[in-house]
Amino acid sequence: MRAKEGKKVRIYLGMYYNPYFPKDYERWTCLKFFDKGNDFLIGKDFWDFFGGKGAYEELIDIYEQIGEEIRPVLDAKFKSIAKEYEEKE
């Protein structure tokens, strides 16, 4: 990429979640070339970069609220699938 004259360009590598959570991200292929927290944004750093400080926590709260709302629907669906599976055996 080239920056237009007088414009700064920053390149980031971003991952919306850390697959190693709650441990730190460990994959050497990314850590070798990028500085985690600066040009390599993962998990909280990623979401707070796009949504502002506190965006990650707000997103987690939303997931938890929605999860509680749809849990009865999902439980019923899983029971239905299990029952159909058992009837086929």
PDB file of N, CA and C in Angstrom:
ATOM      1  N   MET A   1       0.844  -1.182   0.000  1.00  0.00           N
ATOM      2  CA  MET A   1       0.000   0.000   0.000  1.00  0.00           C
ATOM      3  C   MET A   1       0.881   1.234   0.000  1.00  0.00           C
ATOM      4  N   ARG A   2       0.391   2.230  -0.667  1.00  0.00           N
ATOM      5  CA  ARG A   2       1.105   3.505  -0.643  1.00  0.00           C
ATOM      6  C   ARG A   2       0.196   4.577  -0.092  1.00  0.00           C
ATOM      7  N   ALA A   3       0.752   5.411   0.720  1.00  0.00           N
ATOM      8  CA  ALA A   3      -0.014   6.517   1.272  1.00  0.00           C
ATOM      9  C   ALA A   3      -0.025   7.660   0.271  1.00  0.00           C
ATOM     10  N   LYS A   4      -1.178   8.320   0.185  1.00  0.00           N
ATOM     11  CA  LYS A   4      -1.222   9.520  -0.639  1.00  0.00           C
ATOM     12  C   LYS A   4      -0.308  10.554   0.011  1.00  0.00           C
ATOM     13  N   GLU A   5       0.196  11.434  -0.797  1.00  0.00           N
ATOM     14  CA  GLU A   5       1.115  12.445  -0.287  1.00  0.00           C
ATOM     15  C   GLU A   5       0.494  13.186   0.898  1.00  0.00           C
ATOM     16  N   GLY A   6       1.233  13.213   2.003  1.00  0.00           N
ATOM     17  CA  GLY A   6       0.764  13.917   3.189  1.00  0.00           C
ATOM     18  C   GLY A   6      -0.158  13.107   4.081  1.00  0.00           C
ATOM     19  N   LYS A   7      -0.487  11.893   3.709  1.00  0.00           N
ATOM     20  CA  LYS A   7      -1.386  11.053   4.513  1.00  0.00           C
ATOM     21  C   LYS A   7      -0.601   9.904   5.135  1.00  0.00           C
ATOM     22  N   LYS A   8      -0.894   9.610   6.385  1.00  0.00           N
ATOM     23  CA  LYS A   8      -0.264   8.479   7.049  1.00  0.00           C
ATOM     24  C   LYS A   8      -1.156   7.249   6.894  1.00  0.00           C
ATOM     25  N   VAL A   9      -0.530   6.133   6.670  1.00  0.00           N
ATOM     26  CA  VAL A   9      -1.250   4.869   6.568  1.00  0.00           C
ATOM     27  C   VAL A   9      -0.701   3.930   7.624  1.00  0.00           C
ATOM     28  N   ARG A  10      -1.604   3.313   8.379  1.00  0.00           N
ATOM     29  CA  ARG A  10      -1.206   2.304   9.358  1.00  0.00           C
ATOM     30  C   ARG A  10      -1.862   0.996   8.973  1.00  0.00           C
ATOM     31  N   ILE A  11      -1.118  -0.068   9.082  1.00  0.00           N
ATOM     32  CA  ILE A  11      -1.635  -1.391   8.768  1.00  0.00           C
ATOM     33  C   ILE A  11      -1.736  -2.174  10.068  1.00  0.00           C
ATOM     34  N   TYR A  12      -2.890  -2.803  10.255  1.00  0.00           N
ATOM     35  CA  TYR A  12      -3.134  -3.595  11.445  1.00  0.00           C
ATOM     36  C   TYR A  12      -3.480  -5.024  11.048  1.00  0.00           C
ATOM     37  N   LEU A  13      -3.144  -5.934  11.919  1.00  0.00           N
ATOM     38  CA  LEU A  13      -3.658  -7.286  11.851  1.00  0.00           C
ATOM     39  C   LEU A  13      -4.620  -7.391  13.018  1.00  0.00           C
ATOM     40  N   GLY A  14      -5.832  -7.820  12.757  1.00  0.00           N
ATOM     41  CA  GLY A  14      -6.823  -7.892  13.821  1.00  0.00           C
ATOM     42  C   GLY A  14      -7.527  -9.227  13.869  1.00  0.00           C
ATOM     43  N   MET A  15      -7.774  -9.691  15.078  1.00  0.00           N
ATOM     44  CA  MET A  15      -8.550 -10.901  15.320  1.00  0.00           C
ATOM     45  C   MET A  15      -9.604 -10.574  16.363  1.00  0.00           C
ATOM     46  N   TYR A  16     -10.850 -10.885  16.035  1.00  0.00           N
ATOM     47  CA  TYR A  16     -11.939 -10.489  16.917  1.00  0.00           C
ATOM     48  C   TYR A  16     -11.998 -11.285  18.217  1.00  0.00           C
ATOM     49  N   TYR A  17     -11.298 -12.410  18.307  1.00  0.00           N
ATOM     50  CA  TYR A  17     -11.238 -13.142  19.567  1.00  0.00           C
ATOM     51  C   TYR A  17      -9.892 -13.845  19.691  1.00  0.00           C
ATOM     52  N   ASN A  18      -9.545 -14.172  20.917  1.00  0.00           N
ATOM     53  CA  ASN A  18      -8.307 -14.880  21.199  1.00  0.00           C
ATOM     54  C   ASN A  18      -8.644 -16.357  21.395  1.00  0.00           C
ATOM     55  N   PRO A  19      -8.253 -17.226  20.467  1.00  0.00           N
ATOM     56  CA  PRO A  19      -8.587 -18.646  20.605  1.00  0.00           C
ATOM     57  C   PRO A  19      -7.888 -19.324  21.791  1.00  0.00           C
ATOM     58  N   TYR A  20      -6.916 -18.666  22.396  1.00  0.00           N
ATOM     59  CA  TYR A  20      -6.205 -19.219  23.542  1.00  0.00           C
ATOM     60  C   TYR A  20      -6.731 -18.692  24.876  1.00  0.00           C
ATOM     61  N   PHE A  21      -7.748 -17.820  24.829  1.00  0.00           N
ATOM     62  CA  PHE A  21      -8.276 -17.184  26.035  1.00  0.00           C
ATOM     63  C   PHE A  21      -8.613 -18.239  27.074  1.00  0.00           C
ATOM     64  N   PRO A  22      -8.298 -18.082  28.335  1.00  0.00           N
ATOM     65  CA  PRO A  22      -7.856 -16.864  29.004  1.00  0.00           C
ATOM     66  C   PRO A  22      -6.346 -16.640  28.969  1.00  0.00           C
ATOM     67  N   LYS A  23      -5.594 -17.536  28.323  1.00  0.00           N
ATOM     68  CA  LYS A  23      -4.156 -17.316  28.174  1.00  0.00           C
ATOM     69  C   LYS A  23      -3.905 -16.252  27.109  1.00  0.00           C
ATOM     70  N   ASP A  24      -2.710 -15.680  27.112  1.00  0.00           N
ATOM     71  CA  ASP A  24      -2.335 -14.721  26.078  1.00  0.00           C
ATOM     72  C   ASP A  24      -2.224 -15.418  24.725  1.00  0.00           C
ATOM     73  N   TYR A  25      -2.395 -14.645  23.675  1.00  0.00           N
ATOM     74  CA  TYR A  25      -2.230 -15.167  22.324  1.00  0.00           C
ATOM     75  C   TYR A  25      -0.776 -15.588  22.151  1.00  0.00           C
ATOM     76  N   GLU A  26      -0.554 -16.788  21.589  1.00  0.00           N
ATOM     77  CA  GLU A  26       0.793 -17.350  21.557  1.00  0.00           C
ATOM     78  C   GLU A  26       1.348 -17.621  20.165  1.00  0.00           C
ATOM     79  N   ARG A  27       0.563 -17.506  19.139  1.00  0.00           N
ATOM     80  CA  ARG A  27       1.016 -17.948  17.823  1.00  0.00           C
ATOM     81  C   ARG A  27       2.205 -17.110  17.343  1.00  0.00           C
ATOM     82  N   TRP A  28       3.325 -17.744  17.199  1.00  0.00           N
ATOM     83  CA  TRP A  28       4.568 -17.044  16.881  1.00  0.00           C
ATOM     84  C   TRP A  28       4.536 -16.391  15.504  1.00  0.00           C
ATOM     85  N   THR A  29       3.775 -16.965  14.564  1.00  0.00           N
ATOM     86  CA  THR A  29       3.774 -16.403  13.209  1.00  0.00           C
ATOM     87  C   THR A  29       3.252 -14.974  13.192  1.00  0.00           C
ATOM     88  N   CYS A  30       2.323 -14.666  14.068  1.00  0.00           N
ATOM     89  CA  CYS A  30       1.818 -13.289  14.155  1.00  0.00           C
ATOM     90  C   CYS A  30       2.717 -12.431  15.038  1.00  0.00           C
ATOM     91  N   LEU A  31       3.122 -12.989  16.156  1.00  0.00           N
ATOM     92  CA  LEU A  31       3.915 -12.220  17.116  1.00  0.00           C
ATOM     93  C   LEU A  31       5.301 -11.880  16.587  1.00  0.00           C
ATOM     94  N   LYS A  32       5.780 -12.658  15.630  1.00  0.00           N
ATOM     95  CA  LYS A  32       7.098 -12.391  15.054  1.00  0.00           C
ATOM     96  C   LYS A  32       7.102 -11.112  14.210  1.00  0.00           C
ATOM     97  N   PHE A  33       5.994 -10.834  13.559  1.00  0.00           N
ATOM     98  CA  PHE A  33       5.937  -9.720  12.616  1.00  0.00           C
ATOM     99  C   PHE A  33       5.118  -8.533  13.101  1.00  0.00           C
ATOM    100  N   PHE A  34       4.291  -8.737  14.124  1.00  0.00           N
ATOM    101  CA  PHE A  34       3.420  -7.667  14.603  1.00  0.00           C
ATOM    102  C   PHE A  34       3.610  -7.463  16.101  1.00  0.00           C
ATOM    103  N   ASP A  35       3.351  -6.240  16.538  1.00  0.00           N
ATOM    104  CA  ASP A  35       3.465  -5.864  17.941  1.00  0.00           C
ATOM    105  C   ASP A  35       2.073  -5.907  18.571  1.00  0.00           C
ATOM    106  N   LYS A  36       1.830  -6.960  19.381  1.00  0.00           N
ATOM    107  CA  LYS A  36       0.514  -7.136  20.000  1.00  0.00           C
ATOM    108  C   LYS A  36       0.149  -5.912  20.834  1.00  0.00           C
ATOM    109  N   GLY A  37      -1.051  -5.415  20.610  1.00  0.00           N
ATOM    110  CA  GLY A  37      -1.532  -4.235  21.317  1.00  0.00           C
ATOM    111  C   GLY A  37      -1.282  -2.939  20.570  1.00  0.00           C
ATOM    112  N   ASN A  38      -0.407  -2.979  19.576  1.00  0.00           N
ATOM    113  CA  ASN A  38      -0.135  -1.784  18.769  1.00  0.00           C
ATOM    114  C   ASN A  38      -0.608  -1.971  17.325  1.00  0.00           C
ATOM    115  N   ASP A  39       0.056  -2.850  16.580  1.00  0.00           N
ATOM    116  CA  ASP A  39      -0.418  -3.087  15.210  1.00  0.00           C
ATOM    117  C   ASP A  39      -1.048  -4.472  15.041  1.00  0.00           C
ATOM    118  N   PHE A  40      -1.046  -5.254  16.108  1.00  0.00           N
ATOM    119  CA  PHE A  40      -1.752  -6.530  16.136  1.00  0.00           C
ATOM    120  C   PHE A  40      -2.783  -6.444  17.248  1.00  0.00           C
ATOM    121  N   LEU A  41      -4.045  -6.331  16.853  1.00  0.00           N
ATOM    122  CA  LEU A  41      -5.123  -6.148  17.813  1.00  0.00           C
ATOM    123  C   LEU A  41      -5.930  -7.435  17.903  1.00  0.00           C
ATOM    124  N   ILE A  42      -6.084  -7.925  19.120  1.00  0.00           N
ATOM    125  CA  ILE A  42      -6.807  -9.180  19.321  1.00  0.00           C
ATOM    126  C   ILE A  42      -7.755  -9.043  20.505  1.00  0.00           C
ATOM    127  N   GLY A  43      -8.949  -9.596  20.337  1.00  0.00           N
ATOM    128  CA  GLY A  43      -9.934  -9.592  21.413  1.00  0.00           C
ATOM    129  C   GLY A  43     -10.306  -8.193  21.858  1.00  0.00           C
ATOM    130  N   LYS A  44     -10.078  -7.898  23.127  1.00  0.00           N
ATOM    131  CA  LYS A  44     -10.452  -6.597  23.705  1.00  0.00           C
ATOM    132  C   LYS A  44      -9.837  -5.433  22.940  1.00  0.00           C
ATOM    133  N   ASP A  45      -8.552  -5.532  22.595  1.00  0.00           N
ATOM    134  CA  ASP A  45      -7.901  -4.447  21.853  1.00  0.00           C
ATOM    135  C   ASP A  45      -8.584  -4.207  20.508  1.00  0.00           C
ATOM    136  N   PHE A  46      -8.962  -5.277  19.837  1.00  0.00           N
ATOM    137  CA  PHE A  46      -9.642  -5.186  18.537  1.00  0.00           C
ATOM    138  C   PHE A  46     -10.964  -4.433  18.675  1.00  0.00           C
ATOM    139  N   TRP A  47     -11.818  -4.888  19.606  1.00  0.00           N
ATOM    140  CA  TRP A  47     -13.144  -4.283  19.748  1.00  0.00           C
ATOM    141  C   TRP A  47     -13.083  -2.861  20.279  1.00  0.00           C
ATOM    142  N   ASP A  48     -12.178  -2.583  21.194  1.00  0.00           N
ATOM    143  CA  ASP A  48     -12.052  -1.220  21.709  1.00  0.00           C
ATOM    144  C   ASP A  48     -11.487  -0.274  20.655  1.00  0.00           C
ATOM    145  N   PHE A  49     -10.687  -0.784  19.735  1.00  0.00           N
ATOM    146  CA  PHE A  49     -10.175   0.049  18.638  1.00  0.00           C
ATOM    147  C   PHE A  49     -11.331   0.527  17.758  1.00  0.00           C
ATOM    148  N   PHE A  50     -12.220  -0.371  17.418  1.00  0.00           N
ATOM    149  CA  PHE A  50     -13.333  -0.010  16.534  1.00  0.00           C
ATOM    150  C   PHE A  50     -14.482   0.681  17.251  1.00  0.00           C
ATOM    151  N   GLY A  51     -14.764   0.260  18.483  1.00  0.00           N
ATOM    152  CA  GLY A  51     -15.937   0.783  19.180  1.00  0.00           C
ATOM    153  C   GLY A  51     -15.660   1.771  20.278  1.00  0.00           C
ATOM    154  N   GLY A  52     -14.381   2.031  20.553  1.00  0.00           N
ATOM    155  CA  GLY A  52     -14.029   2.928  21.643  1.00  0.00           C
ATOM    156  C   GLY A  52     -13.844   2.166  22.944  1.00  0.00           C
ATOM    157  N   LYS A  53     -13.233   2.841  23.904  1.00  0.00           N
ATOM    158  CA  LYS A  53     -12.943   2.219  25.198  1.00  0.00           C
ATOM    159  C   LYS A  53     -14.238   1.681  25.811  1.00  0.00           C
ATOM    160  N   GLY A  54     -14.181   0.418  26.240  1.00  0.00           N
ATOM    161  CA  GLY A  54     -15.343  -0.210  26.870  1.00  0.00           C
ATOM    162  C   GLY A  54     -16.225  -0.987  25.901  1.00  0.00           C
ATOM    163  N   ALA A  55     -15.928  -0.924  24.601  1.00  0.00           N
ATOM    164  CA  ALA A  55     -16.754  -1.622  23.611  1.00  0.00           C
ATOM    165  C   ALA A  55     -16.735  -3.133  23.827  1.00  0.00           C
ATOM    166  N   TYR A  56     -15.584  -3.671  24.187  1.00  0.00           N
ATOM    167  CA  TYR A  56     -15.465  -5.120  24.397  1.00  0.00           C
ATOM    168  C   TYR A  56     -16.387  -5.578  25.529  1.00  0.00           C
ATOM    169  N   GLU A  57     -16.340  -4.897  26.669  1.00  0.00           N
ATOM    170  CA  GLU A  57     -17.176  -5.261  27.800  1.00  0.00           C
ATOM    171  C   GLU A  57     -18.653  -5.123  27.456  1.00  0.00           C
ATOM    172  N   GLU A  58     -18.997  -4.077  26.718  1.00  0.00           N
ATOM    173  CA  GLU A  58     -20.389  -3.876  26.312  1.00  0.00           C
ATOM    174  C   GLU A  58     -20.855  -5.014  25.398  1.00  0.00           C
ATOM    175  N   LEU A  59     -19.999  -5.418  24.500  1.00  0.00           N
ATOM    176  CA  LEU A  59     -20.326  -6.513  23.592  1.00  0.00           C
ATOM    177  C   LEU A  59     -20.526  -7.823  24.360  1.00  0.00           C
ATOM    178  N   ILE A  60     -19.680  -8.092  25.328  1.00  0.00           N
ATOM    179  CA  ILE A  60     -19.824  -9.296  26.148  1.00  0.00           C
ATOM    180  C   ILE A  60     -21.155  -9.263  26.896  1.00  0.00           C
ATOM    181  N   ASP A  61     -21.519  -8.106  27.447  1.00  0.00           N
ATOM    182  CA  ASP A  61     -22.805  -7.969  28.147  1.00  0.00           C
ATOM    183  C   ASP A  61     -23.971  -8.259  27.202  1.00  0.00           C
ATOM    184  N   ILE A  62     -23.898  -7.753  25.983  1.00  0.00           N
ATOM    185  CA  ILE A  62     -24.964  -7.986  24.999  1.00  0.00           C
ATOM    186  C   ILE A  62     -25.073  -9.478  24.687  1.00  0.00           C
ATOM    187  N   TYR A  63     -23.948 -10.147  24.467  1.00  0.00           N
ATOM    188  CA  TYR A  63     -23.958 -11.592  24.205  1.00  0.00           C
ATOM    189  C   TYR A  63     -24.608 -12.347  25.355  1.00  0.00           C
ATOM    190  N   GLU A  64     -24.274 -11.967  26.583  1.00  0.00           N
ATOM    191  CA  GLU A  64     -24.836 -12.654  27.745  1.00  0.00           C
ATOM    192  C   GLU A  64     -26.338 -12.429  27.845  1.00  0.00           C
ATOM    193  N   GLN A  65     -26.793 -11.201  27.595  1.00  0.00           N
ATOM    194  CA  GLN A  65     -28.226 -10.907  27.649  1.00  0.00           C
ATOM    195  C   GLN A  65     -28.998 -11.685  26.591  1.00  0.00           C
ATOM    196  N   ILE A  66     -28.492 -11.681  25.379  1.00  0.00           N
ATOM    197  CA  ILE A  66     -29.153 -12.398  24.289  1.00  0.00           C
ATOM    198  C   ILE A  66     -29.132 -13.897  24.559  1.00  0.00           C
ATOM    199  N   GLY A  67     -28.015 -14.396  25.077  1.00  0.00           N
ATOM    200  CA  GLY A  67     -27.919 -15.814  25.414  1.00  0.00           C
ATOM    201  C   GLY A  67     -28.977 -16.236  26.410  1.00  0.00           C
ATOM    202  N   GLU A  68     -29.212 -15.418  27.427  1.00  0.00           N
ATOM    203  CA  GLU A  68     -30.247 -15.730  28.422  1.00  0.00           C
ATOM    204  C   GLU A  68     -31.638 -15.701  27.780  1.00  0.00           C
ATOM    205  N   GLU A  69     -31.869 -14.776  26.867  1.00  0.00           N
ATOM    206  CA  GLU A  69     -33.177 -14.664  26.220  1.00  0.00           C
ATOM    207  C   GLU A  69     -33.478 -15.860  25.317  1.00  0.00           C
ATOM    208  N   ILE A  70     -32.475 -16.333  24.608  1.00  0.00           N
ATOM    209  CA  ILE A  70     -32.736 -17.405  23.647  1.00  0.00           C
ATOM    210  C   ILE A  70     -32.447 -18.800  24.202  1.00  0.00           C
ATOM    211  N   ARG A  71     -31.937 -18.887  25.413  1.00  0.00           N
ATOM    212  CA  ARG A  71     -31.627 -20.195  25.996  1.00  0.00           C
ATOM    213  C   ARG A  71     -32.823 -21.145  25.988  1.00  0.00           C
ATOM    214  N   PRO A  72     -34.033 -20.726  26.408  1.00  0.00           N
ATOM    215  CA  PRO A  72     -35.166 -21.662  26.379  1.00  0.00           C
ATOM    216  C   PRO A  72     -35.479 -22.179  24.966  1.00  0.00           C
ATOM    217  N   VAL A  73     -35.342 -21.327  23.979  1.00  0.00           N
ATOM    218  CA  VAL A  73     -35.593 -21.732  22.592  1.00  0.00           C
ATOM    219  C   VAL A  73     -34.553 -22.752  22.145  1.00  0.00           C
ATOM    220  N   LEU A  74     -33.297 -22.483  22.454  1.00  0.00           N
ATOM    221  CA  LEU A  74     -32.234 -23.412  22.079  1.00  0.00           C
ATOM    222  C   LEU A  74     -32.363 -24.743  22.813  1.00  0.00           C
ATOM    223  N   ASP A  75     -32.679 -24.688  24.122  1.00  0.00           N
ATOM    224  CA  ASP A  75     -32.859 -25.921  24.884  1.00  0.00           C
ATOM    225  C   ASP A  75     -33.968 -26.778  24.276  1.00  0.00           C
ATOM    226  N   ALA A  76     -35.086 -26.161  23.924  1.00  0.00           N
ATOM    227  CA  ALA A  76     -36.200 -26.898  23.321  1.00  0.00           C
ATOM    228  C   ALA A  76     -35.790 -27.505  21.986  1.00  0.00           C
ATOM    229  N   LYS A  77     -35.055 -26.763  21.198  1.00  0.00           N
ATOM    230  CA  LYS A  77     -34.620 -27.265  19.893  1.00  0.00           C
ATOM    231  C   LYS A  77     -33.666 -28.441  20.052  1.00  0.00           C
ATOM    232  N   PHE A  78     -32.712 -28.337  20.962  1.00  0.00           N
ATOM    233  CA  PHE A  78     -31.769 -29.430  21.192  1.00  0.00           C
ATOM    234  C   PHE A  78     -32.491 -30.685  21.689  1.00  0.00           C
ATOM    235  N   LYS A  79     -33.480 -30.508  22.583  1.00  0.00           N
ATOM    236  CA  LYS A  79     -34.252 -31.658  23.066  1.00  0.00           C
ATOM    237  C   LYS A  79     -35.022 -32.310  21.916  1.00  0.00           C
ATOM    238  N   SER A  80     -35.573 -31.489  21.040  1.00  0.00           N
ATOM    239  CA  SER A  80     -36.308 -32.001  19.883  1.00  0.00           C
ATOM    240  C   SER A  80     -35.383 -32.795  18.958  1.00  0.00           C
ATOM    241  N   ILE A  81     -34.211 -32.276  18.716  1.00  0.00           N
ATOM    242  CA  ILE A  81     -33.238 -32.967  17.854  1.00  0.00           C
ATOM    243  C   ILE A  81     -32.824 -34.282  18.496  1.00  0.00           C
ATOM    244  N   ALA A  82     -32.565 -34.269  19.799  1.00  0.00           N
ATOM    245  CA  ALA A  82     -32.158 -35.488  20.507  1.00  0.00           C
ATOM    246  C   ALA A  82     -33.264 -36.531  20.455  1.00  0.00           C
ATOM    247  N   LYS A  83     -34.498 -36.103  20.627  1.00  0.00           N
ATOM    248  CA  LYS A  83     -35.638 -37.027  20.581  1.00  0.00           C
ATOM    249  C   LYS A  83     -35.764 -37.655  19.194  1.00  0.00           C
ATOM    250  N   GLU A  84     -35.645 -36.839  18.144  1.00  0.00           N
ATOM    251  CA  GLU A  84     -35.709 -37.360  16.769  1.00  0.00           C
ATOM    252  C   GLU A  84     -34.586 -38.349  16.525  1.00  0.00           C
ATOM    253  N   TYR A  85     -33.403 -38.060  17.038  1.00  0.00           N
ATOM    254  CA  TYR A  85     -32.248 -38.945  16.865  1.00  0.00           C
ATOM    255  C   TYR A  85     -32.491 -40.286  17.557  1.00  0.00           C
ATOM    256  N   GLU A  86     -33.020 -40.221  18.784  1.00  0.00           N
ATOM    257  CA  GLU A  86     -33.299 -41.438  19.543  1.00  0.00           C
ATOM    258  C   GLU A  86     -34.358 -42.291  18.855  1.00  0.00           C
ATOM    259  N   GLU A  87     -35.368 -41.662  18.261  1.00  0.00           N
ATOM    260  CA  GLU A  87     -36.438 -42.388  17.587  1.00  0.00           C
ATOM    261  C   GLU A  87     -35.941 -43.091  16.328  1.00  0.00           C
ATOM    262  N   LYS A  88     -34.901 -42.581  15.715  1.00  0.00           N
ATOM    263  CA  LYS A  88     -34.335 -43.191  14.506  1.00  0.00           C
ATOM    264  C   LYS A  88     -33.520 -44.437  14.827  1.00  0.00           C
ATOM    265  N   GLU A  89     -33.021 -44.531  16.054  1.00  0.00           N
ATOM    266  CA  GLU A  89     -32.159 -45.668  16.420  1.00  0.00           C
ATOM    267  C   GLU A  89     -32.934 -46.901  16.653  1.00  0.00           C
TER     268      GLU A  89
END
